[in-house]
């Protein structure tokens, strides 16, 4: 898988998790695990973007 494809996949995962997070928040469920996953994906996105720039 090339970097551009990997970036698109990470973005899709991020959007999906954001939706899940909103659903959990609206039903007063625990959101900490999802927040940690979002933070991890943000880091991965930043790493892939840095590789694309070089």
C-alpha atoms as a PDB file:
ATOM      1  CA  UNK A   1       0.000   0.000   0.000  1.00  0.00           C
ATOM      2  CA  UNK A   2       1.424   3.386  -0.917  1.00  0.00           C
ATOM      3  CA  UNK A   3       1.489   6.363   1.431  1.00  0.00           C
ATOM      4  CA  UNK A   4      -1.369   8.259  -0.228  1.00  0.00           C
ATOM      5  CA  UNK A   5      -3.598   5.205   0.039  1.00  0.00           C
ATOM      6  CA  UNK A   6      -2.576   4.698   3.664  1.00  0.00           C
ATOM      7  CA  UNK A   7      -3.412   8.336   4.410  1.00  0.00           C
ATOM      8  CA  UNK A   8      -6.881   7.987   2.891  1.00  0.00           C
ATOM      9  CA  UNK A   9      -7.533   4.857   4.937  1.00  0.00           C
ATOM     10  CA  UNK A  10      -6.473   6.611   8.138  1.00  0.00           C
ATOM     11  CA  UNK A  11      -8.752   9.548   7.333  1.00  0.00           C
ATOM     12  CA  UNK A  12     -11.708   7.214   6.811  1.00  0.00           C
ATOM     13  CA  UNK A  13     -10.997   5.480  10.117  1.00  0.00           C
ATOM     14  CA  UNK A  14     -10.771   8.865  11.828  1.00  0.00           C
ATOM     15  CA  UNK A  15     -14.141  10.014  10.472  1.00  0.00           C
ATOM     16  CA  UNK A  16     -15.764   6.706  11.473  1.00  0.00           C
ATOM     17  CA  UNK A  17     -14.399   6.990  15.007  1.00  0.00           C
ATOM     18  CA  UNK A  18     -15.614  10.582  15.266  1.00  0.00           C
ATOM     19  CA  UNK A  19     -19.119   9.371  14.461  1.00  0.00           C
ATOM     20  CA  UNK A  20     -18.856   6.613  17.047  1.00  0.00           C
ATOM     21  CA  UNK A  21     -17.620   9.142  19.599  1.00  0.00           C
ATOM     22  CA  UNK A  22     -20.573  11.447  18.970  1.00  0.00           C
ATOM     23  CA  UNK A  23     -23.007   8.551  19.389  1.00  0.00           C
ATOM     24  CA  UNK A  24     -21.423   7.524  22.687  1.00  0.00           C
ATOM     25  CA  UNK A  25     -21.363  11.094  23.987  1.00  0.00           C
ATOM     26  CA  UNK A  26     -25.046  11.531  23.186  1.00  0.00           C
ATOM     27  CA  UNK A  27     -25.905   8.414  25.199  1.00  0.00           C
ATOM     28  CA  UNK A  28     -23.542   9.273  28.077  1.00  0.00           C
ATOM     29  CA  UNK A  29     -21.324   6.251  27.448  1.00  0.00           C
ATOM     30  CA  UNK A  30     -17.600   6.132  28.145  1.00  0.00           C
ATOM     31  CA  UNK A  31     -15.586   7.837  25.396  1.00  0.00           C
ATOM     32  CA  UNK A  32     -12.004   7.609  26.710  1.00  0.00           C
ATOM     33  CA  UNK A  33     -11.017   4.570  24.596  1.00  0.00           C
ATOM     34  CA  UNK A  34     -12.266   6.269  21.437  1.00  0.00           C
ATOM     35  CA  UNK A  35     -10.417   9.473  22.261  1.00  0.00           C
ATOM     36  CA  UNK A  36      -7.200   7.478  22.649  1.00  0.00           C
ATOM     37  CA  UNK A  37      -7.801   5.800  19.288  1.00  0.00           C
ATOM     38  CA  UNK A  38      -8.417   9.179  17.644  1.00  0.00           C
ATOM     39  CA  UNK A  39      -5.191  10.539  19.107  1.00  0.00           C
ATOM     40  CA  UNK A  40      -3.273   7.524  17.811  1.00  0.00           C
ATOM     41  CA  UNK A  41      -4.731   7.979  14.329  1.00  0.00           C
ATOM     42  CA  UNK A  42      -3.880  11.697  14.403  1.00  0.00           C
ATOM     43  CA  UNK A  43      -0.274  10.758  15.135  1.00  0.00           C
ATOM     44  CA  UNK A  44      -0.224   8.209  12.308  1.00  0.00           C
ATOM     45  CA  UNK A  45      -1.712  10.759   9.890  1.00  0.00           C
ATOM     46  CA  UNK A  46       0.983  13.272  10.839  1.00  0.00           C
ATOM     47  CA  UNK A  47       3.701  10.650  10.299  1.00  0.00           C
ATOM     48  CA  UNK A  48       2.377   9.673   6.867  1.00  0.00           C
ATOM     49  CA  UNK A  49       2.049  13.321   5.815  1.00  0.00           C
ATOM     50  CA  UNK A  50       5.637  13.961   6.903  1.00  0.00           C
ATOM     51  CA  UNK A  51       6.806  11.020   4.776  1.00  0.00           C
ATOM     52  CA  UNK A  52       4.830  12.325   1.798  1.00  0.00           C
ATOM     53  CA  UNK A  53       6.583  15.705   2.045  1.00  0.00           C
ATOM     54  CA  UNK A  54      10.044  14.174   1.842  1.00  0.00           C
END
